[in-house]
Amino acid sequence: MDRKRAHFTSFSIAGFTYYDGVFAFNQLKIGVQVRLVVEPTNQFDKNAVAIYVDENKLGYIPRSCNREVSKVLNAGYNIFSAFIQGVYPDAIPEEQVRVVVFINRNTD
């Protein structure tokens, strides 16, 4: 068991069809770290959290999972790390890529 982090949530990327997933798909391997970026001015969801690999926006944390992550990130706490958990090329686009989010543990 990795003592550096604790599992928080996992999900398929929402909106994967509409963003840069097609351009980054070959980079998406299990274990690749992704960035979580809050979008508090998003017109469709005030709790929106975008997912990036390099400069490519892959989509979002699904609305059903984003509230707590958004609150913490908007408060200025960077306690999460997120990684590609699974890649399923033959699935429908909205289920092709799964992400796992961990809470980083204090090392003190």
PDB file of N, CA and C in Angstrom:
ATOM      1  N   MET A   1       0.838  -1.190   0.000  1.00  0.00           N
ATOM      2  CA  MET A   1       0.000   0.000   0.000  1.00  0.00           C
ATOM      3  C   MET A   1       0.883   1.254   0.000  1.00  0.00           C
ATOM      4  N   ASP A   2       0.565   2.189  -0.836  1.00  0.00           N
ATOM      5  CA  ASP A   2       1.322   3.426  -0.944  1.00  0.00           C
ATOM      6  C   ASP A   2       0.875   4.385   0.148  1.00  0.00           C
ATOM      7  N   ARG A   3       1.762   4.723   1.036  1.00  0.00           N
ATOM      8  CA  ARG A   3       1.434   5.604   2.156  1.00  0.00           C
ATOM      9  C   ARG A   3       1.460   7.081   1.767  1.00  0.00           C
ATOM     10  N   LYS A   4       1.837   7.402   0.519  1.00  0.00           N
ATOM     11  CA  LYS A   4       1.946   8.787   0.092  1.00  0.00           C
ATOM     12  C   LYS A   4       0.606   9.372  -0.334  1.00  0.00           C
ATOM     13  N   ARG A   5      -0.391   8.520  -0.574  1.00  0.00           N
ATOM     14  CA  ARG A   5      -1.676   9.027  -1.051  1.00  0.00           C
ATOM     15  C   ARG A   5      -2.803   8.073  -0.655  1.00  0.00           C
ATOM     16  N   ALA A   6      -4.021   8.626  -0.677  1.00  0.00           N
ATOM     17  CA  ALA A   6      -5.226   7.852  -0.382  1.00  0.00           C
ATOM     18  C   ALA A   6      -6.197   8.016  -1.543  1.00  0.00           C
ATOM     19  N   HIS A   7      -6.836   6.933  -1.922  1.00  0.00           N
ATOM     20  CA  HIS A   7      -7.805   6.981  -3.020  1.00  0.00           C
ATOM     21  C   HIS A   7      -8.948   7.912  -2.658  1.00  0.00           C
ATOM     22  N   PHE A   8      -9.351   8.775  -3.611  1.00  0.00           N
ATOM     23  CA  PHE A   8     -10.473   9.688  -3.398  1.00  0.00           C
ATOM     24  C   PHE A   8     -11.649   9.333  -4.296  1.00  0.00           C
ATOM     25  N   THR A   9     -11.414   9.248  -5.610  1.00  0.00           N
ATOM     26  CA  THR A   9     -12.490   8.917  -6.542  1.00  0.00           C
ATOM     27  C   THR A   9     -11.898   8.459  -7.861  1.00  0.00           C
ATOM     28  N   SER A  10     -12.742   7.871  -8.691  1.00  0.00           N
ATOM     29  CA  SER A  10     -12.344   7.540 -10.061  1.00  0.00           C
ATOM     30  C   SER A  10     -13.575   7.662 -10.946  1.00  0.00           C
ATOM     31  N   PHE A  11     -13.333   7.900 -12.228  1.00  0.00           N
ATOM     32  CA  PHE A  11     -14.437   8.193 -13.143  1.00  0.00           C
ATOM     33  C   PHE A  11     -13.936   8.139 -14.580  1.00  0.00           C
ATOM     34  N   SER A  12     -14.882   8.075 -15.517  1.00  0.00           N
ATOM     35  CA  SER A  12     -14.580   8.269 -16.934  1.00  0.00           C
ATOM     36  C   SER A  12     -14.646   9.767 -17.212  1.00  0.00           C
ATOM     37  N   ILE A  13     -13.854  10.240 -18.153  1.00  0.00           N
ATOM     38  CA  ILE A  13     -13.777  11.668 -18.460  1.00  0.00           C
ATOM     39  C   ILE A  13     -15.032  12.123 -19.203  1.00  0.00           C
ATOM     40  N   ALA A  14     -15.715  13.101 -18.643  1.00  0.00           N
ATOM     41  CA  ALA A  14     -16.907  13.674 -19.276  1.00  0.00           C
ATOM     42  C   ALA A  14     -16.490  14.623 -20.396  1.00  0.00           C
ATOM     43  N   GLY A  15     -17.197  14.579 -21.511  1.00  0.00           N
ATOM     44  CA  GLY A  15     -16.919  15.494 -22.617  1.00  0.00           C
ATOM     45  C   GLY A  15     -15.719  15.119 -23.455  1.00  0.00           C
ATOM     46  N   PHE A  16     -15.199  13.925 -23.277  1.00  0.00           N
ATOM     47  CA  PHE A  16     -13.987  13.509 -23.989  1.00  0.00           C
ATOM     48  C   PHE A  16     -14.116  13.706 -25.497  1.00  0.00           C
ATOM     49  N   THR A  17     -15.286  13.498 -26.043  1.00  0.00           N
ATOM     50  CA  THR A  17     -15.535  13.645 -27.478  1.00  0.00           C
ATOM     51  C   THR A  17     -15.297  15.062 -27.974  1.00  0.00           C
ATOM     52  N   TYR A  18     -15.499  16.043 -27.116  1.00  0.00           N
ATOM     53  CA  TYR A  18     -15.545  17.438 -27.560  1.00  0.00           C
ATOM     54  C   TYR A  18     -14.242  18.212 -27.417  1.00  0.00           C
ATOM     55  N   TYR A  19     -13.224  17.615 -26.836  1.00  0.00           N
ATOM     56  CA  TYR A  19     -11.991  18.366 -26.585  1.00  0.00           C
ATOM     57  C   TYR A  19     -10.809  17.746 -27.318  1.00  0.00           C
ATOM     58  N   ASP A  20      -9.638  17.740 -26.716  1.00  0.00           N
ATOM     59  CA  ASP A  20      -8.400  17.372 -27.404  1.00  0.00           C
ATOM     60  C   ASP A  20      -7.995  15.906 -27.253  1.00  0.00           C
ATOM     61  N   GLY A  21      -8.898  15.065 -26.794  1.00  0.00           N
ATOM     62  CA  GLY A  21      -8.572  13.657 -26.584  1.00  0.00           C
ATOM     63  C   GLY A  21      -8.012  12.971 -27.809  1.00  0.00           C
ATOM     64  N   VAL A  22      -8.557  13.276 -28.970  1.00  0.00           N
ATOM     65  CA  VAL A  22      -8.092  12.652 -30.202  1.00  0.00           C
ATOM     66  C   VAL A  22      -6.628  12.994 -30.482  1.00  0.00           C
ATOM     67  N   PHE A  23      -6.184  14.190 -30.087  1.00  0.00           N
ATOM     68  CA  PHE A  23      -4.806  14.610 -30.330  1.00  0.00           C
ATOM     69  C   PHE A  23      -3.828  14.035 -29.311  1.00  0.00           C
ATOM     70  N   ALA A  24      -4.335  13.680 -28.139  1.00  0.00           N
ATOM     71  CA  ALA A  24      -3.479  13.195 -27.060  1.00  0.00           C
ATOM     72  C   ALA A  24      -3.636  11.696 -26.811  1.00  0.00           C
ATOM     73  N   PHE A  25      -4.513  11.025 -27.544  1.00  0.00           N
ATOM     74  CA  PHE A  25      -4.872   9.642 -27.219  1.00  0.00           C
ATOM     75  C   PHE A  25      -3.656   8.725 -27.125  1.00  0.00           C
ATOM     76  N   ASN A  26      -2.683   8.883 -28.016  1.00  0.00           N
ATOM     77  CA  ASN A  26      -1.500   8.012 -27.978  1.00  0.00           C
ATOM     78  C   ASN A  26      -0.634   8.243 -26.747  1.00  0.00           C
ATOM     79  N   GLN A  27      -0.775   9.382 -26.075  1.00  0.00           N
ATOM     80  CA  GLN A  27      -0.042   9.665 -24.841  1.00  0.00           C
ATOM     81  C   GLN A  27      -0.732   9.060 -23.619  1.00  0.00           C
ATOM     82  N   LEU A  28      -1.983   8.697 -23.757  1.00  0.00           N
ATOM     83  CA  LEU A  28      -2.782   8.276 -22.617  1.00  0.00           C
ATOM     84  C   LEU A  28      -2.530   6.812 -22.293  1.00  0.00           C
ATOM     85  N   LYS A  29      -1.706   6.610 -21.314  1.00  0.00           N
ATOM     86  CA  LYS A  29      -1.342   5.271 -20.843  1.00  0.00           C
ATOM     87  C   LYS A  29      -1.622   5.207 -19.341  1.00  0.00           C
ATOM     88  N   ILE A  30      -1.861   4.028 -18.857  1.00  0.00           N
ATOM     89  CA  ILE A  30      -2.084   3.848 -17.426  1.00  0.00           C
ATOM     90  C   ILE A  30      -0.890   4.415 -16.661  1.00  0.00           C
ATOM     91  N   GLY A  31      -1.176   5.237 -15.667  1.00  0.00           N
ATOM     92  CA  GLY A  31      -0.134   5.823 -14.831  1.00  0.00           C
ATOM     93  C   GLY A  31       0.307   7.213 -15.227  1.00  0.00           C
ATOM     94  N   VAL A  32      -0.108   7.690 -16.398  1.00  0.00           N
ATOM     95  CA  VAL A  32       0.257   9.051 -16.819  1.00  0.00           C
ATOM     96  C   VAL A  32      -0.485  10.051 -15.935  1.00  0.00           C
ATOM     97  N   GLN A  33       0.260  10.997 -15.392  1.00  0.00           N
ATOM     98  CA  GLN A  33      -0.360  12.012 -14.532  1.00  0.00           C
ATOM     99  C   GLN A  33      -1.082  13.053 -15.381  1.00  0.00           C
ATOM    100  N   VAL A  34      -2.250  13.467 -14.900  1.00  0.00           N
ATOM    101  CA  VAL A  34      -3.026  14.519 -15.546  1.00  0.00           C
ATOM    102  C   VAL A  34      -3.186  15.673 -14.564  1.00  0.00           C
ATOM    103  N   ARG A  35      -3.477  16.857 -15.110  1.00  0.00           N
ATOM    104  CA  ARG A  35      -3.681  18.058 -14.297  1.00  0.00           C
ATOM    105  C   ARG A  35      -5.163  18.338 -14.147  1.00  0.00           C
ATOM    106  N   LEU A  36      -5.550  18.760 -12.958  1.00  0.00           N
ATOM    107  CA  LEU A  36      -6.921  19.179 -12.670  1.00  0.00           C
ATOM    108  C   LEU A  36      -6.940  20.696 -12.577  1.00  0.00           C
ATOM    109  N   VAL A  37      -7.805  21.332 -13.366  1.00  0.00           N
ATOM    110  CA  VAL A  37      -7.860  22.795 -13.429  1.00  0.00           C
ATOM    111  C   VAL A  37      -9.304  23.233 -13.221  1.00  0.00           C
ATOM    112  N   VAL A  38      -9.541  23.998 -12.158  1.00  0.00           N
ATOM    113  CA  VAL A  38     -10.902  24.479 -11.899  1.00  0.00           C
ATOM    114  C   VAL A  38     -11.293  25.554 -12.901  1.00  0.00           C
ATOM    115  N   GLU A  39     -12.577  25.587 -13.206  1.00  0.00           N
ATOM    116  CA  GLU A  39     -13.132  26.600 -14.102  1.00  0.00           C
ATOM    117  C   GLU A  39     -14.338  27.237 -13.409  1.00  0.00           C
ATOM    118  N   PRO A  40     -14.104  28.076 -12.397  1.00  0.00           N
ATOM    119  CA  PRO A  40     -15.219  28.646 -11.623  1.00  0.00           C
ATOM    120  C   PRO A  40     -16.155  29.529 -12.437  1.00  0.00           C
ATOM    121  N   THR A  41     -15.723  29.980 -13.610  1.00  0.00           N
ATOM    122  CA  THR A  41     -16.595  30.812 -14.447  1.00  0.00           C
ATOM    123  C   THR A  41     -17.230  30.009 -15.581  1.00  0.00           C
ATOM    124  N   ASN A  42     -17.138  28.693 -15.529  1.00  0.00           N
ATOM    125  CA  ASN A  42     -17.748  27.844 -16.546  1.00  0.00           C
ATOM    126  C   ASN A  42     -19.259  28.083 -16.554  1.00  0.00           C
ATOM    127  N   GLN A  43     -19.811  28.413 -17.713  1.00  0.00           N
ATOM    128  CA  GLN A  43     -21.224  28.792 -17.798  1.00  0.00           C
ATOM    129  C   GLN A  43     -22.176  27.616 -17.601  1.00  0.00           C
ATOM    130  N   PHE A  44     -21.685  26.394 -17.723  1.00  0.00           N
ATOM    131  CA  PHE A  44     -22.556  25.228 -17.612  1.00  0.00           C
ATOM    132  C   PHE A  44     -22.499  24.562 -16.248  1.00  0.00           C
ATOM    133  N   ASP A  45     -21.386  24.745 -15.515  1.00  0.00           N
ATOM    134  CA  ASP A  45     -21.218  24.081 -14.220  1.00  0.00           C
ATOM    135  C   ASP A  45     -20.242  24.895 -13.367  1.00  0.00           C
ATOM    136  N   LYS A  46     -20.744  25.487 -12.298  1.00  0.00           N
ATOM    137  CA  LYS A  46     -19.878  26.315 -11.439  1.00  0.00           C
ATOM    138  C   LYS A  46     -18.807  25.499 -10.724  1.00  0.00           C
ATOM    139  N   ASN A  47     -18.965  24.177 -10.676  1.00  0.00           N
ATOM    140  CA  ASN A  47     -17.977  23.299 -10.049  1.00  0.00           C
ATOM    141  C   ASN A  47     -17.089  22.591 -11.067  1.00  0.00           C
ATOM    142  N   ALA A  48     -17.057  23.076 -12.298  1.00  0.00           N
ATOM    143  CA  ALA A  48     -16.315  22.405 -13.366  1.00  0.00           C
ATOM    144  C   ALA A  48     -14.827  22.292 -13.035  1.00  0.00           C
ATOM    145  N   VAL A  49     -14.292  21.086 -13.282  1.00  0.00           N
ATOM    146  CA  VAL A  49     -12.860  20.827 -13.137  1.00  0.00           C
ATOM    147  C   VAL A  49     -12.406  20.134 -14.416  1.00  0.00           C
ATOM    148  N   ALA A  50     -11.591  20.834 -15.200  1.00  0.00           N
ATOM    149  CA  ALA A  50     -11.071  20.300 -16.457  1.00  0.00           C
ATOM    150  C   ALA A  50      -9.885  19.387 -16.182  1.00  0.00           C
ATOM    151  N   ILE A  51      -9.659  18.478 -17.113  1.00  0.00           N
ATOM    152  CA  ILE A  51      -8.559  17.522 -17.016  1.00  0.00           C
ATOM    153  C   ILE A  51      -7.649  17.738 -18.219  1.00  0.00           C
ATOM    154  N   TYR A  52      -6.350  17.911 -17.934  1.00  0.00           N
ATOM    155  CA  TYR A  52      -5.357  18.161 -18.984  1.00  0.00           C
ATOM    156  C   TYR A  52      -4.224  17.145 -18.910  1.00  0.00           C
ATOM    157  N   VAL A  53      -3.703  16.807 -20.083  1.00  0.00           N
ATOM    158  CA  VAL A  53      -2.413  16.143 -20.191  1.00  0.00           C
ATOM    159  C   VAL A  53      -1.593  17.064 -21.081  1.00  0.00           C
ATOM    160  N   ASP A  54      -0.469  17.521 -20.570  1.00  0.00           N
ATOM    161  CA  ASP A  54       0.304  18.587 -21.214  1.00  0.00           C
ATOM    162  C   ASP A  54      -0.642  19.767 -21.449  1.00  0.00           C
ATOM    163  N   GLU A  55      -0.720  20.267 -22.664  1.00  0.00           N
ATOM    164  CA  GLU A  55      -1.616  21.395 -22.953  1.00  0.00           C
ATOM    165  C   GLU A  55      -2.946  20.942 -23.558  1.00  0.00           C
ATOM    166  N   ASN A  56      -3.159  19.662 -23.610  1.00  0.00           N
ATOM    167  CA  ASN A  56      -4.374  19.115 -24.216  1.00  0.00           C
ATOM    168  C   ASN A  56      -5.477  18.934 -23.175  1.00  0.00           C
ATOM    169  N   LYS A  57      -6.591  19.600 -23.397  1.00  0.00           N
ATOM    170  CA  LYS A  57      -7.759  19.459 -22.529  1.00  0.00           C
ATOM    171  C   LYS A  57      -8.494  18.190 -22.956  1.00  0.00           C
ATOM    172  N   LEU A  58      -8.643  17.261 -22.013  1.00  0.00           N
ATOM    173  CA  LEU A  58      -9.280  15.982 -22.313  1.00  0.00           C
ATOM    174  C   LEU A  58     -10.780  16.011 -22.062  1.00  0.00           C
ATOM    175  N   GLY A  59     -11.229  16.878 -21.196  1.00  0.00           N
ATOM    176  CA  GLY A  59     -12.638  16.936 -20.809  1.00  0.00           C
ATOM    177  C   GLY A  59     -12.723  17.347 -19.352  1.00  0.00           C
ATOM    178  N   TYR A  60     -13.692  16.782 -18.643  1.00  0.00           N
ATOM    179  CA  TYR A  60     -13.983  17.214 -17.276  1.00  0.00           C
ATOM    180  C   TYR A  60     -14.214  16.047 -16.326  1.00  0.00           C
ATOM    181  N   ILE A  61     -14.025  16.342 -15.037  1.00  0.00           N
ATOM    182  CA  ILE A  61     -14.545  15.440 -14.008  1.00  0.00           C
ATOM    183  C   ILE A  61     -16.061  15.487 -14.155  1.00  0.00           C
ATOM    184  N   PRO A  62     -16.741  14.343 -14.163  1.00  0.00           N
ATOM    185  CA  PRO A  62     -18.203  14.363 -14.297  1.00  0.00           C
ATOM    186  C   PRO A  62     -18.857  15.190 -13.187  1.00  0.00           C
ATOM    187  N   ARG A  63     -19.948  15.823 -13.528  1.00  0.00           N
ATOM    188  CA  ARG A  63     -20.682  16.671 -12.587  1.00  0.00           C
ATOM    189  C   ARG A  63     -21.002  15.915 -11.288  1.00  0.00           C
ATOM    190  N   SER A  64     -21.272  14.637 -11.379  1.00  0.00           N
ATOM    191  CA  SER A  64     -21.625  13.846 -10.194  1.00  0.00           C
ATOM    192  C   SER A  64     -20.450  13.641  -9.237  1.00  0.00           C
ATOM    193  N   CYS A  65     -19.228  13.957  -9.677  1.00  0.00           N
ATOM    194  CA  CYS A  65     -18.024  13.729  -8.859  1.00  0.00           C
ATOM    195  C   CYS A  65     -17.215  14.982  -8.584  1.00  0.00           C
ATOM    196  N   ASN A  66     -17.606  16.148  -9.131  1.00  0.00           N
ATOM    197  CA  ASN A  66     -16.679  17.286  -9.128  1.00  0.00           C
ATOM    198  C   ASN A  66     -16.816  18.261  -7.965  1.00  0.00           C
ATOM    199  N   ARG A  67     -17.893  18.219  -7.230  1.00  0.00           N
ATOM    200  CA  ARG A  67     -18.164  19.258  -6.235  1.00  0.00           C
ATOM    201  C   ARG A  67     -17.056  19.375  -5.182  1.00  0.00           C
ATOM    202  N   GLU A  68     -16.674  18.263  -4.571  1.00  0.00           N
ATOM    203  CA  GLU A  68     -15.669  18.317  -3.504  1.00  0.00           C
ATOM    204  C   GLU A  68     -14.298  18.709  -4.043  1.00  0.00           C
ATOM    205  N   VAL A  69     -13.928  18.151  -5.189  1.00  0.00           N
ATOM    206  CA  VAL A  69     -12.629  18.497  -5.784  1.00  0.00           C
ATOM    207  C   VAL A  69     -12.594  19.990  -6.101  1.00  0.00           C
ATOM    208  N   SER A  70     -13.666  20.487  -6.688  1.00  0.00           N
ATOM    209  CA  SER A  70     -13.748  21.906  -7.034  1.00  0.00           C
ATOM    210  C   SER A  70     -13.629  22.799  -5.801  1.00  0.00           C
ATOM    211  N   LYS A  71     -14.341  22.461  -4.755  1.00  0.00           N
ATOM    212  CA  LYS A  71     -14.295  23.271  -3.519  1.00  0.00           C
ATOM    213  C   LYS A  71     -12.877  23.369  -2.971  1.00  0.00           C
ATOM    214  N   VAL A  72     -12.204  22.245  -2.909  1.00  0.00           N
ATOM    215  CA  VAL A  72     -10.848  22.213  -2.354  1.00  0.00           C
ATOM    216  C   VAL A  72      -9.891  23.010  -3.237  1.00  0.00           C
ATOM    217  N   LEU A  73      -9.946  22.788  -4.549  1.00  0.00           N
ATOM    218  CA  LEU A  73      -9.042  23.507  -5.450  1.00  0.00           C
ATOM    219  C   LEU A  73      -9.335  25.003  -5.468  1.00  0.00           C
ATOM    220  N   ASN A  74     -10.616  25.372  -5.458  1.00  0.00           N
ATOM    221  CA  ASN A  74     -10.971  26.797  -5.438  1.00  0.00           C
ATOM    222  C   ASN A  74     -10.553  27.478  -4.142  1.00  0.00           C
ATOM    223  N   ALA A  75     -10.422  26.720  -3.071  1.00  0.00           N
ATOM    224  CA  ALA A  75      -9.956  27.271  -1.799  1.00  0.00           C
ATOM    225  C   ALA A  75      -8.439  27.429  -1.764  1.00  0.00           C
ATOM    226  N   GLY A  76      -7.763  26.980  -2.824  1.00  0.00           N
ATOM    227  CA  GLY A  76      -6.315  27.160  -2.906  1.00  0.00           C
ATOM    228  C   GLY A  76      -5.493  25.990  -2.400  1.00  0.00           C
ATOM    229  N   TYR A  77      -6.127  24.863  -2.134  1.00  0.00           N
ATOM    230  CA  TYR A  77      -5.403  23.683  -1.656  1.00  0.00           C
ATOM    231  C   TYR A  77      -5.119  22.748  -2.818  1.00  0.00           C
ATOM    232  N   ASN A  78      -3.870  22.425  -3.018  1.00  0.00           N
ATOM    233  CA  ASN A  78      -3.467  21.521  -4.087  1.00  0.00           C
ATOM    234  C   ASN A  78      -3.107  20.177  -3.464  1.00  0.00           C
ATOM    235  N   ILE A  79      -4.113  19.440  -3.019  1.00  0.00           N
ATOM    236  CA  ILE A  79      -3.875  18.192  -2.296  1.00  0.00           C
ATOM    237  C   ILE A  79      -4.127  16.949  -3.142  1.00  0.00           C
ATOM    238  N   PHE A  80      -4.535  17.133  -4.392  1.00  0.00           N
ATOM    239  CA  PHE A  80      -4.888  16.000  -5.235  1.00  0.00           C
ATOM    240  C   PHE A  80      -3.791  15.681  -6.241  1.00  0.00           C
ATOM    241  N   SER A  81      -3.698  14.418  -6.579  1.00  0.00           N
ATOM    242  CA  SER A  81      -2.937  13.992  -7.742  1.00  0.00           C
ATOM    243  C   SER A  81      -3.855  13.070  -8.532  1.00  0.00           C
ATOM    244  N   ALA A  82      -3.777  13.153  -9.849  1.00  0.00           N
ATOM    245  CA  ALA A  82      -4.682  12.393 -10.706  1.00  0.00           C
ATOM    246  C   ALA A  82      -3.890  11.708 -11.815  1.00  0.00           C
ATOM    247  N   PHE A  83      -4.335  10.499 -12.158  1.00  0.00           N
ATOM    248  CA  PHE A  83      -3.616   9.672 -13.115  1.00  0.00           C
ATOM    249  C   PHE A  83      -4.594   8.935 -14.021  1.00  0.00           C
ATOM    250  N   ILE A  84      -4.121   8.602 -15.215  1.00  0.00           N
ATOM    251  CA  ILE A  84      -4.896   7.739 -16.092  1.00  0.00           C
ATOM    252  C   ILE A  84      -4.967   6.363 -15.420  1.00  0.00           C
ATOM    253  N   GLN A  85      -6.172   5.854 -15.284  1.00  0.00           N
ATOM    254  CA  GLN A  85      -6.387   4.565 -14.624  1.00  0.00           C
ATOM    255  C   GLN A  85      -6.670   3.455 -15.638  1.00  0.00           C
ATOM    256  N   GLY A  86      -7.233   3.821 -16.773  1.00  0.00           N
ATOM    257  CA  GLY A  86      -7.538   2.833 -17.791  1.00  0.00           C
ATOM    258  C   GLY A  86      -7.805   3.505 -19.121  1.00  0.00           C
ATOM    259  N   VAL A  87      -7.455   2.809 -20.207  1.00  0.00           N
ATOM    260  CA  VAL A  87      -7.695   3.309 -21.562  1.00  0.00           C
ATOM    261  C   VAL A  87      -8.370   2.171 -22.332  1.00  0.00           C
ATOM    262  N   TYR A  88      -9.538   2.472 -22.887  1.00  0.00           N
ATOM    263  CA  TYR A  88     -10.360   1.473 -23.563  1.00  0.00           C
ATOM    264  C   TYR A  88     -10.710   1.970 -24.975  1.00  0.00           C
ATOM    265  N   PRO A  89      -9.816   1.785 -25.941  1.00  0.00           N
ATOM    266  CA  PRO A  89      -9.996   2.348 -27.278  1.00  0.00           C
ATOM    267  C   PRO A  89     -11.281   1.917 -27.986  1.00  0.00           C
ATOM    268  N   ASP A  90     -11.800   0.744 -27.666  1.00  0.00           N
ATOM    269  CA  ASP A  90     -12.986   0.238 -28.358  1.00  0.00           C
ATOM    270  C   ASP A  90     -14.296   0.668 -27.705  1.00  0.00           C
ATOM    271  N   ALA A  91     -14.228   1.359 -26.585  1.00  0.00           N
ATOM    272  CA  ALA A  91     -15.440   1.833 -25.904  1.00  0.00           C
ATOM    273  C   ALA A  91     -15.959   3.091 -26.593  1.00  0.00           C
ATOM    274  N   ILE A  92     -17.183   3.482 -26.242  1.00  0.00           N
ATOM    275  CA  ILE A  92     -17.687   4.753 -26.753  1.00  0.00           C
ATOM    276  C   ILE A  92     -16.802   5.863 -26.183  1.00  0.00           C
ATOM    277  N   PRO A  93     -16.651   6.998 -26.877  1.00  0.00           N
ATOM    278  CA  PRO A  93     -15.702   8.030 -26.439  1.00  0.00           C
ATOM    279  C   PRO A  93     -15.841   8.457 -24.973  1.00  0.00           C
ATOM    280  N   GLU A  94     -17.054   8.566 -24.480  1.00  0.00           N
ATOM    281  CA  GLU A  94     -17.237   9.024 -23.098  1.00  0.00           C
ATOM    282  C   GLU A  94     -16.787   7.997 -22.060  1.00  0.00           C
ATOM    283  N   GLU A  95     -16.421   6.799 -22.496  1.00  0.00           N
ATOM    284  CA  GLU A  95     -15.958   5.763 -21.571  1.00  0.00           C
ATOM    285  C   GLU A  95     -14.568   5.240 -21.934  1.00  0.00           C
ATOM    286  N   GLN A  96     -13.885   5.921 -22.845  1.00  0.00           N
ATOM    287  CA  GLN A  96     -12.584   5.439 -23.310  1.00  0.00           C
ATOM    288  C   GLN A  96     -11.457   5.631 -22.299  1.00  0.00           C
ATOM    289  N   VAL A  97     -11.565   6.651 -21.449  1.00  0.00           N
ATOM    290  CA  VAL A  97     -10.460   6.949 -20.533  1.00  0.00           C
ATOM    291  C   VAL A  97     -10.999   7.130 -19.122  1.00  0.00           C
ATOM    292  N   ARG A  98     -10.409   6.379 -18.185  1.00  0.00           N
ATOM    293  CA  ARG A  98     -10.753   6.524 -16.768  1.00  0.00           C
ATOM    294  C   ARG A  98      -9.598   7.196 -16.043  1.00  0.00           C
ATOM    295  N   VAL A  99      -9.959   7.998 -15.055  1.00  0.00           N
ATOM    296  CA  VAL A  99      -8.987   8.726 -14.242  1.00  0.00           C
ATOM    297  C   VAL A  99      -9.215   8.355 -12.782  1.00  0.00           C
ATOM    298  N   VAL A 100      -8.143   8.244 -12.031  1.00  0.00           N
ATOM    299  CA  VAL A 100      -8.228   8.042 -10.587  1.00  0.00           C
ATOM    300  C   VAL A 100      -7.633   9.280  -9.919  1.00  0.00           C
ATOM    301  N   VAL A 101      -8.291   9.735  -8.862  1.00  0.00           N
ATOM    302  CA  VAL A 101      -7.830  10.908  -8.108  1.00  0.00           C
ATOM    303  C   VAL A 101      -7.478  10.445  -6.698  1.00  0.00           C
ATOM    304  N   PHE A 102      -6.309  10.867  -6.242  1.00  0.00           N
ATOM    305  CA  PHE A 102      -5.841  10.564  -4.902  1.00  0.00           C
ATOM    306  C   PHE A 102      -5.726  11.858  -4.096  1.00  0.00           C
ATOM    307  N   ILE A 103      -5.868  11.735  -2.794  1.00  0.00           N
ATOM    308  CA  ILE A 103      -5.518  12.812  -1.872  1.00  0.00           C
ATOM    309  C   ILE A 103      -4.101  12.533  -1.416  1.00  0.00           C
ATOM    310  N   ASN A 104      -3.224  13.515  -1.567  1.00  0.00           N
ATOM    311  CA  ASN A 104      -1.844  13.344  -1.138  1.00  0.00           C
ATOM    312  C   ASN A 104      -1.780  13.423   0.378  1.00  0.00           C
ATOM    313  N   ARG A 105      -1.065  12.494   0.970  1.00  0.00           N
ATOM    314  CA  ARG A 105      -0.926  12.474   2.432  1.00  0.00           C
ATOM    315  C   ARG A 105       0.199  13.413   2.860  1.00  0.00           C
ATOM    316  N   ASN A 106       0.056  13.964   4.057  1.00  0.00           N
ATOM    317  CA  ASN A 106       1.141  14.744   4.640  1.00  0.00           C
ATOM    318  C   ASN A 106       2.308  13.806   4.896  1.00  0.00           C
ATOM    319  N   THR A 107       3.518  14.265   4.659  1.00  0.00           N
ATOM    320  CA  THR A 107       4.696  13.436   4.890  1.00  0.00           C
ATOM    321  C   THR A 107       5.345  13.723   6.235  1.00  0.00           C
ATOM    322  N   ASP A 108       4.696  14.587   7.027  1.00  0.00           N
ATOM    323  CA  ASP A 108       5.245  14.930   8.350  1.00  0.00           C
ATOM    324  C   ASP A 108       5.091  13.787   9.322  1.00  0.00           C
TER     325      ASP A 108
END
